[in-house]
N, C-alpha and C. Protein backbone atom coordinates (compact mmCIF):
# COMPACT_ATOMS: atom_id res chain seq x y z
N MET A 1 -19.12 -1.81 -7.69
CA MET A 1 -18.16 -0.76 -7.93
C MET A 1 -18.09 0.15 -6.70
N ILE A 2 -16.91 0.56 -6.33
CA ILE A 2 -16.70 1.41 -5.17
C ILE A 2 -16.90 2.86 -5.58
N ASP A 3 -17.61 3.62 -4.75
CA ASP A 3 -17.80 5.03 -5.09
C ASP A 3 -16.69 5.89 -4.48
N VAL A 4 -16.66 7.15 -4.88
CA VAL A 4 -15.64 8.08 -4.41
C VAL A 4 -15.67 8.17 -2.88
N GLY A 5 -16.85 8.04 -2.30
CA GLY A 5 -16.98 8.13 -0.84
C GLY A 5 -16.16 7.07 -0.12
N HIS A 6 -16.03 5.90 -0.70
CA HIS A 6 -15.24 4.84 -0.08
C HIS A 6 -13.76 5.22 -0.06
N HIS A 7 -13.27 5.77 -1.16
CA HIS A 7 -11.88 6.23 -1.22
C HIS A 7 -11.68 7.39 -0.25
N ALA A 8 -12.63 8.31 -0.21
CA ALA A 8 -12.53 9.46 0.69
C ALA A 8 -12.51 9.00 2.14
N ALA A 9 -13.32 8.02 2.49
CA ALA A 9 -13.34 7.52 3.87
C ALA A 9 -11.99 6.90 4.23
N CYS A 10 -11.40 6.17 3.30
CA CYS A 10 -10.09 5.57 3.53
C CYS A 10 -9.03 6.65 3.75
N VAL A 11 -9.02 7.65 2.87
CA VAL A 11 -8.04 8.73 2.98
C VAL A 11 -8.27 9.53 4.26
N ASP A 12 -9.52 9.82 4.57
CA ASP A 12 -9.83 10.58 5.79
C ASP A 12 -9.34 9.85 7.04
N ALA A 13 -9.60 8.56 7.10
CA ALA A 13 -9.15 7.78 8.26
C ALA A 13 -7.62 7.77 8.35
N TRP A 14 -6.96 7.63 7.21
CA TRP A 14 -5.50 7.63 7.19
C TRP A 14 -4.95 8.98 7.63
N LEU A 15 -5.50 10.06 7.10
CA LEU A 15 -5.04 11.40 7.49
C LEU A 15 -5.29 11.65 8.98
N GLU A 16 -6.41 11.21 9.47
CA GLU A 16 -6.71 11.39 10.90
C GLU A 16 -5.66 10.69 11.77
N ARG A 17 -5.23 9.51 11.34
CA ARG A 17 -4.22 8.76 12.09
C ARG A 17 -2.82 9.33 11.94
N THR A 18 -2.49 9.80 10.76
CA THR A 18 -1.09 10.09 10.46
C THR A 18 -0.73 11.57 10.35
N ALA A 19 -1.69 12.43 10.08
CA ALA A 19 -1.35 13.81 9.73
C ALA A 19 -1.67 14.85 10.81
N LYS A 20 -2.15 14.41 11.94
CA LYS A 20 -2.48 15.35 13.01
C LYS A 20 -1.26 16.17 13.41
N ASP A 21 -1.44 17.48 13.44
CA ASP A 21 -0.42 18.39 13.95
C ASP A 21 0.92 18.32 13.23
N LEU A 22 0.94 17.87 12.00
CA LEU A 22 2.20 17.85 11.25
C LEU A 22 2.52 19.24 10.73
N SER A 23 3.80 19.54 10.66
CA SER A 23 4.24 20.78 10.03
C SER A 23 3.97 20.66 8.53
N PRO A 24 3.93 21.78 7.81
CA PRO A 24 3.75 21.69 6.36
C PRO A 24 4.82 20.81 5.69
N GLU A 25 6.05 20.92 6.16
CA GLU A 25 7.12 20.11 5.59
C GLU A 25 6.85 18.62 5.79
N ASP A 26 6.43 18.26 7.00
CA ASP A 26 6.16 16.85 7.28
C ASP A 26 4.92 16.35 6.54
N LEU A 27 3.91 17.21 6.41
CA LEU A 27 2.72 16.81 5.67
C LEU A 27 3.07 16.55 4.21
N LEU A 28 3.90 17.39 3.63
CA LEU A 28 4.33 17.16 2.25
C LEU A 28 5.18 15.90 2.13
N ARG A 29 6.03 15.66 3.11
CA ARG A 29 6.84 14.44 3.11
C ARG A 29 5.92 13.21 3.19
N LEU A 30 4.88 13.31 4.01
CA LEU A 30 3.92 12.22 4.14
C LEU A 30 3.14 12.02 2.83
N LEU A 31 2.70 13.11 2.21
CA LEU A 31 1.99 13.01 0.93
C LEU A 31 2.89 12.38 -0.13
N GLU A 32 4.13 12.82 -0.20
CA GLU A 32 5.07 12.26 -1.16
C GLU A 32 5.26 10.77 -0.93
N ALA A 33 5.42 10.36 0.32
CA ALA A 33 5.59 8.94 0.65
C ALA A 33 4.34 8.14 0.28
N ALA A 34 3.17 8.70 0.54
CA ALA A 34 1.92 8.00 0.21
C ALA A 34 1.78 7.83 -1.29
N LEU A 35 2.02 8.89 -2.04
CA LEU A 35 1.91 8.79 -3.49
C LEU A 35 2.92 7.80 -4.06
N ASN A 36 4.11 7.80 -3.53
CA ASN A 36 5.12 6.86 -4.02
C ASN A 36 4.79 5.42 -3.65
N ALA A 37 4.19 5.21 -2.49
CA ALA A 37 3.76 3.86 -2.12
C ALA A 37 2.65 3.39 -3.05
N LEU A 38 1.70 4.27 -3.34
CA LEU A 38 0.62 3.91 -4.27
C LEU A 38 1.16 3.71 -5.68
N TRP A 39 2.12 4.54 -6.06
CA TRP A 39 2.77 4.38 -7.38
C TRP A 39 3.39 2.99 -7.49
N ALA A 40 4.18 2.63 -6.50
CA ALA A 40 4.87 1.34 -6.53
C ALA A 40 3.88 0.18 -6.60
N GLU A 41 2.75 0.33 -5.92
CA GLU A 41 1.75 -0.73 -5.89
C GLU A 41 1.03 -0.89 -7.23
N THR A 42 0.96 0.18 -8.03
CA THR A 42 0.24 0.12 -9.30
C THR A 42 1.13 0.04 -10.53
N GLN A 43 2.41 0.28 -10.37
CA GLN A 43 3.30 0.37 -11.53
C GLN A 43 3.35 -0.91 -12.35
N ILE A 44 3.41 -2.04 -11.72
CA ILE A 44 3.50 -3.29 -12.47
C ILE A 44 2.23 -3.53 -13.29
N THR A 45 1.08 -3.23 -12.70
CA THR A 45 -0.19 -3.46 -13.39
C THR A 45 -0.42 -2.48 -14.52
N LEU A 46 -0.15 -1.19 -14.28
CA LEU A 46 -0.49 -0.16 -15.27
C LEU A 46 0.66 0.27 -16.15
N GLY A 47 1.89 0.09 -15.69
CA GLY A 47 3.06 0.54 -16.45
C GLY A 47 3.36 2.00 -16.19
N VAL A 48 4.59 2.37 -16.43
CA VAL A 48 5.08 3.71 -16.11
C VAL A 48 4.39 4.78 -16.96
N VAL A 49 4.20 4.51 -18.25
CA VAL A 49 3.61 5.52 -19.14
C VAL A 49 2.18 5.86 -18.70
N THR A 50 1.37 4.86 -18.48
CA THR A 50 -0.02 5.08 -18.06
C THR A 50 -0.07 5.74 -16.69
N LEU A 51 0.73 5.24 -15.77
CA LEU A 51 0.75 5.78 -14.42
C LEU A 51 1.24 7.23 -14.41
N THR A 52 2.22 7.54 -15.25
CA THR A 52 2.70 8.92 -15.36
C THR A 52 1.58 9.84 -15.85
N ALA A 53 0.87 9.42 -16.87
CA ALA A 53 -0.22 10.24 -17.41
C ALA A 53 -1.31 10.46 -16.37
N ILE A 54 -1.68 9.42 -15.66
CA ILE A 54 -2.71 9.54 -14.62
C ILE A 54 -2.24 10.49 -13.52
N THR A 55 -1.03 10.29 -13.04
CA THR A 55 -0.52 11.09 -11.94
C THR A 55 -0.36 12.55 -12.33
N GLU A 56 0.12 12.80 -13.54
CA GLU A 56 0.24 14.19 -14.00
C GLU A 56 -1.12 14.86 -14.09
N ARG A 57 -2.14 14.13 -14.53
CA ARG A 57 -3.50 14.69 -14.60
C ARG A 57 -4.03 14.98 -13.19
N VAL A 58 -3.81 14.08 -12.27
CA VAL A 58 -4.25 14.29 -10.88
C VAL A 58 -3.56 15.52 -10.29
N ILE A 59 -2.26 15.64 -10.52
CA ILE A 59 -1.51 16.80 -10.01
C ILE A 59 -2.01 18.09 -10.66
N HIS A 60 -2.26 18.05 -11.96
CA HIS A 60 -2.79 19.22 -12.67
C HIS A 60 -4.13 19.65 -12.06
N ASN A 61 -5.04 18.70 -11.88
CA ASN A 61 -6.35 19.01 -11.29
C ASN A 61 -6.19 19.57 -9.88
N ALA A 62 -5.29 18.99 -9.12
CA ALA A 62 -5.07 19.46 -7.74
C ALA A 62 -4.50 20.88 -7.74
N ALA A 63 -3.57 21.15 -8.63
CA ALA A 63 -2.93 22.47 -8.67
C ALA A 63 -3.92 23.57 -9.08
N GLU A 64 -4.93 23.20 -9.85
CA GLU A 64 -5.96 24.19 -10.20
C GLU A 64 -6.74 24.62 -8.97
N LYS A 65 -7.01 23.69 -8.08
CA LYS A 65 -7.78 24.00 -6.86
C LYS A 65 -6.88 24.45 -5.71
N PHE A 66 -5.67 23.92 -5.69
CA PHE A 66 -4.72 24.18 -4.61
C PHE A 66 -3.38 24.55 -5.24
N PRO A 67 -3.21 25.80 -5.64
CA PRO A 67 -2.02 26.21 -6.41
C PRO A 67 -0.69 25.83 -5.77
N ARG A 68 -0.61 25.77 -4.47
CA ARG A 68 0.66 25.43 -3.85
C ARG A 68 1.07 23.99 -4.12
N LEU A 69 0.13 23.16 -4.56
CA LEU A 69 0.46 21.77 -4.88
C LEU A 69 1.07 21.65 -6.28
N SER A 70 1.22 22.76 -6.98
CA SER A 70 1.85 22.69 -8.30
C SER A 70 3.32 22.29 -8.20
N SER A 71 3.86 22.29 -6.98
CA SER A 71 5.25 21.84 -6.79
C SER A 71 5.39 20.32 -6.91
N LEU A 72 4.26 19.59 -6.84
CA LEU A 72 4.33 18.14 -7.02
C LEU A 72 4.73 17.83 -8.46
N LYS A 73 5.67 16.93 -8.61
CA LYS A 73 6.16 16.57 -9.95
C LYS A 73 6.30 15.06 -10.06
N VAL A 74 5.99 14.55 -11.24
CA VAL A 74 6.27 13.15 -11.55
C VAL A 74 7.72 13.09 -12.01
N GLU A 75 8.47 12.24 -11.39
CA GLU A 75 9.90 12.11 -11.71
C GLU A 75 10.08 11.29 -12.99
N PRO A 76 11.08 11.63 -13.82
CA PRO A 76 11.33 10.88 -15.05
C PRO A 76 11.60 9.39 -14.79
N THR A 77 12.16 9.08 -13.65
CA THR A 77 12.45 7.68 -13.33
C THR A 77 11.27 7.00 -12.64
N GLY A 78 10.18 7.72 -12.46
CA GLY A 78 9.00 7.17 -11.81
C GLY A 78 8.84 7.72 -10.40
N GLY A 79 7.62 7.75 -9.96
CA GLY A 79 7.34 8.26 -8.63
C GLY A 79 7.08 9.75 -8.64
N VAL A 80 6.84 10.29 -7.45
CA VAL A 80 6.46 11.68 -7.29
C VAL A 80 7.39 12.34 -6.29
N SER A 81 7.70 13.62 -6.54
CA SER A 81 8.45 14.39 -5.55
C SER A 81 7.71 15.68 -5.30
N VAL A 82 7.96 16.28 -4.15
CA VAL A 82 7.29 17.53 -3.82
C VAL A 82 7.96 18.72 -4.48
N GLY A 83 9.11 18.54 -5.09
CA GLY A 83 9.78 19.63 -5.79
C GLY A 83 10.17 20.75 -4.85
N GLU A 84 10.23 21.95 -5.38
CA GLU A 84 10.58 23.12 -4.58
C GLU A 84 9.35 23.60 -3.82
N TRP A 85 9.48 23.68 -2.53
CA TRP A 85 8.33 24.07 -1.71
C TRP A 85 8.78 25.11 -0.71
N LYS A 86 8.12 26.23 -0.71
CA LYS A 86 8.41 27.29 0.24
C LYS A 86 7.47 27.13 1.42
N THR A 87 8.01 26.88 2.59
CA THR A 87 7.17 26.60 3.76
C THR A 87 7.17 27.74 4.78
N ALA A 88 7.60 28.91 4.37
CA ALA A 88 7.65 30.03 5.31
C ALA A 88 6.26 30.37 5.85
N VAL A 89 5.25 30.19 5.03
CA VAL A 89 3.89 30.49 5.46
C VAL A 89 3.11 29.18 5.53
N ARG A 90 2.44 28.98 6.64
CA ARG A 90 1.62 27.78 6.78
C ARG A 90 0.42 27.89 5.83
N ASP A 91 0.12 26.84 5.19
CA ASP A 91 -1.00 26.82 4.26
C ASP A 91 -2.10 25.96 4.87
N ALA A 92 -3.17 26.61 5.31
CA ALA A 92 -4.27 25.91 5.96
C ALA A 92 -4.93 24.91 5.01
N ARG A 93 -4.79 25.12 3.72
CA ARG A 93 -5.44 24.24 2.75
C ARG A 93 -4.56 23.08 2.31
N LEU A 94 -3.37 22.98 2.86
CA LEU A 94 -2.46 21.91 2.46
C LEU A 94 -3.04 20.54 2.78
N LEU A 95 -3.64 20.39 3.94
CA LEU A 95 -4.25 19.11 4.30
C LEU A 95 -5.41 18.79 3.36
N GLU A 96 -6.22 19.78 3.07
CA GLU A 96 -7.35 19.60 2.15
C GLU A 96 -6.84 19.23 0.75
N GLY A 97 -5.77 19.88 0.32
CA GLY A 97 -5.18 19.57 -0.98
C GLY A 97 -4.59 18.17 -1.03
N SER A 98 -3.93 17.78 0.05
CA SER A 98 -3.36 16.42 0.12
C SER A 98 -4.48 15.38 0.03
N ARG A 99 -5.56 15.65 0.72
CA ARG A 99 -6.71 14.74 0.68
C ARG A 99 -7.24 14.65 -0.75
N PHE A 100 -7.37 15.80 -1.42
CA PHE A 100 -7.87 15.83 -2.78
C PHE A 100 -7.01 14.97 -3.70
N VAL A 101 -5.70 15.14 -3.62
CA VAL A 101 -4.77 14.39 -4.48
C VAL A 101 -4.95 12.89 -4.28
N LEU A 102 -4.98 12.45 -3.05
CA LEU A 102 -5.06 11.02 -2.77
C LEU A 102 -6.41 10.43 -3.18
N VAL A 103 -7.50 11.14 -2.89
CA VAL A 103 -8.82 10.63 -3.28
C VAL A 103 -8.93 10.59 -4.80
N GLU A 104 -8.45 11.62 -5.45
CA GLU A 104 -8.50 11.67 -6.92
C GLU A 104 -7.68 10.53 -7.53
N PHE A 105 -6.48 10.31 -7.01
CA PHE A 105 -5.62 9.25 -7.52
C PHE A 105 -6.30 7.89 -7.35
N LEU A 106 -6.80 7.61 -6.16
CA LEU A 106 -7.46 6.33 -5.90
C LEU A 106 -8.71 6.16 -6.77
N THR A 107 -9.45 7.24 -6.97
CA THR A 107 -10.67 7.16 -7.78
C THR A 107 -10.35 6.87 -9.24
N VAL A 108 -9.37 7.56 -9.79
CA VAL A 108 -9.00 7.33 -11.20
C VAL A 108 -8.49 5.90 -11.39
N ILE A 109 -7.59 5.47 -10.52
CA ILE A 109 -7.06 4.10 -10.63
C ILE A 109 -8.19 3.09 -10.44
N GLY A 110 -9.06 3.35 -9.49
CA GLY A 110 -10.20 2.45 -9.26
C GLY A 110 -11.10 2.34 -10.46
N ASN A 111 -11.42 3.48 -11.06
CA ASN A 111 -12.28 3.46 -12.26
C ASN A 111 -11.60 2.75 -13.42
N LEU A 112 -10.33 2.97 -13.58
CA LEU A 112 -9.58 2.38 -14.69
C LEU A 112 -9.46 0.86 -14.55
N THR A 113 -9.37 0.38 -13.33
CA THR A 113 -9.14 -1.05 -13.10
C THR A 113 -10.36 -1.79 -12.57
N ALA A 114 -11.52 -1.17 -12.63
CA ALA A 114 -12.75 -1.76 -12.10
C ALA A 114 -12.59 -2.11 -10.62
N GLU A 115 -11.83 -1.29 -9.92
CA GLU A 115 -11.61 -1.39 -8.46
C GLU A 115 -10.84 -2.65 -8.04
N ILE A 116 -10.23 -3.34 -8.97
CA ILE A 116 -9.50 -4.57 -8.63
C ILE A 116 -8.32 -4.27 -7.71
N LEU A 117 -7.66 -3.13 -7.90
CA LEU A 117 -6.50 -2.79 -7.07
C LEU A 117 -6.88 -2.07 -5.78
N THR A 118 -8.13 -1.68 -5.64
CA THR A 118 -8.55 -0.85 -4.51
C THR A 118 -8.19 -1.42 -3.15
N PRO A 119 -8.49 -2.67 -2.85
CA PRO A 119 -8.15 -3.17 -1.50
C PRO A 119 -6.65 -3.08 -1.20
N GLU A 120 -5.83 -3.42 -2.19
CA GLU A 120 -4.38 -3.36 -1.98
C GLU A 120 -3.91 -1.91 -1.84
N LEU A 121 -4.49 -1.01 -2.62
CA LEU A 121 -4.08 0.40 -2.54
C LEU A 121 -4.50 1.01 -1.21
N HIS A 122 -5.70 0.69 -0.75
CA HIS A 122 -6.13 1.19 0.56
C HIS A 122 -5.23 0.64 1.66
N SER A 123 -4.88 -0.62 1.56
CA SER A 123 -3.98 -1.22 2.55
C SER A 123 -2.60 -0.58 2.50
N GLU A 124 -2.11 -0.35 1.30
CA GLU A 124 -0.79 0.26 1.14
C GLU A 124 -0.79 1.68 1.72
N LEU A 125 -1.81 2.44 1.43
CA LEU A 125 -1.91 3.78 2.00
C LEU A 125 -1.91 3.72 3.52
N GLY A 126 -2.64 2.79 4.07
CA GLY A 126 -2.71 2.64 5.52
C GLY A 126 -1.39 2.26 6.17
N SER A 127 -0.47 1.76 5.37
CA SER A 127 0.82 1.34 5.93
C SER A 127 1.84 2.48 6.00
N VAL A 128 1.54 3.62 5.38
CA VAL A 128 2.49 4.74 5.32
C VAL A 128 2.25 5.69 6.49
N ALA A 129 3.34 6.08 7.14
CA ALA A 129 3.26 7.03 8.26
C ALA A 129 4.61 7.72 8.43
N LEU A 130 4.61 8.76 9.21
CA LEU A 130 5.86 9.41 9.63
C LEU A 130 6.09 9.05 11.08
N LEU A 131 7.31 8.70 11.39
CA LEU A 131 7.69 8.40 12.76
C LEU A 131 8.92 9.24 13.06
N ASP A 132 8.79 10.15 13.99
CA ASP A 132 9.87 11.08 14.32
C ASP A 132 10.39 11.81 13.09
N GLY A 133 9.46 12.25 12.25
CA GLY A 133 9.83 13.02 11.07
C GLY A 133 10.36 12.22 9.90
N ARG A 134 10.38 10.90 10.04
CA ARG A 134 10.88 10.05 8.96
C ARG A 134 9.78 9.11 8.50
N VAL A 135 9.81 8.80 7.21
CA VAL A 135 8.80 7.91 6.65
C VAL A 135 9.01 6.51 7.21
N ALA A 136 7.92 5.94 7.69
CA ALA A 136 7.95 4.57 8.21
C ALA A 136 6.76 3.83 7.62
N LYS A 137 6.93 2.56 7.41
CA LYS A 137 5.82 1.75 6.92
C LYS A 137 5.57 0.63 7.91
N ARG A 138 4.32 0.46 8.25
CA ARG A 138 3.97 -0.66 9.12
C ARG A 138 3.67 -1.86 8.24
N ALA A 139 3.72 -3.02 8.82
CA ALA A 139 3.44 -4.23 8.06
C ALA A 139 1.98 -4.22 7.62
N ARG A 140 1.76 -4.62 6.39
CA ARG A 140 0.40 -4.71 5.87
C ARG A 140 -0.21 -6.03 6.27
N PRO A 141 -1.49 -6.04 6.61
CA PRO A 141 -2.14 -7.31 6.92
C PRO A 141 -2.24 -8.16 5.66
N THR A 142 -2.26 -9.45 5.83
CA THR A 142 -2.41 -10.36 4.71
C THR A 142 -3.83 -10.24 4.17
N PRO A 143 -3.97 -9.99 2.86
CA PRO A 143 -5.32 -9.89 2.29
C PRO A 143 -6.07 -11.21 2.47
N PRO A 144 -7.39 -11.15 2.63
CA PRO A 144 -8.18 -12.37 2.82
C PRO A 144 -7.96 -13.40 1.72
N THR A 145 -7.74 -12.97 0.48
CA THR A 145 -7.58 -13.91 -0.63
C THR A 145 -6.29 -14.70 -0.51
N ALA A 146 -5.32 -14.20 0.26
CA ALA A 146 -4.04 -14.90 0.40
C ALA A 146 -4.05 -15.88 1.57
N ARG A 147 -5.12 -15.89 2.34
CA ARG A 147 -5.16 -16.75 3.53
C ARG A 147 -5.64 -18.16 3.26
N GLY A 148 -6.15 -18.39 2.13
CA GLY A 148 -6.65 -19.72 1.83
C GLY A 148 -8.04 -19.61 1.22
N ARG A 149 -8.47 -20.68 0.61
CA ARG A 149 -9.74 -20.65 -0.10
C ARG A 149 -10.93 -20.38 0.81
N ARG A 150 -10.92 -20.90 2.03
CA ARG A 150 -12.07 -20.72 2.91
C ARG A 150 -12.00 -19.41 3.67
N GLY A 151 -10.84 -18.69 3.61
CA GLY A 151 -10.74 -17.39 4.25
C GLY A 151 -10.55 -17.42 5.74
N HIS A 152 -10.41 -18.62 6.36
CA HIS A 152 -10.23 -18.63 7.80
C HIS A 152 -8.93 -19.29 8.22
N GLU A 153 -8.13 -19.69 7.26
CA GLU A 153 -6.86 -20.29 7.60
C GLU A 153 -5.84 -19.21 7.87
N SER A 154 -4.88 -19.44 8.75
CA SER A 154 -3.88 -18.43 9.05
C SER A 154 -2.68 -18.62 8.27
């Protein structure tokens, strides 16, 4: 079983690569894109109702610690939006709050699924980035299980 530290290390590495020097608006756009990518990756397995409940709980927990994240909303059609966000004042804790949301989401999903989705979710998160202020996704590497039974075929 994967511990919270493994999810935190994945999120930390991703934030280090993608979130350096982002404006609050861009950081929120990146968080929204990451959550929606993770949502899409888990929706078929867990279903919209279960995923909505999990995501709403994660957002609730995050908003208790980071009140400005209360603007995150689960959309009725699925996915997450940042809602109304006032960015006039920079929030030094926004990066910390974004990290909390992602680690919490990955941990809950991991615990619920016995970590079966974890490799795909970590890979999906790693594929999300902002390029010139717009969400971009890089190609995901082929998981080892898809390469063949011996794991060395291309």
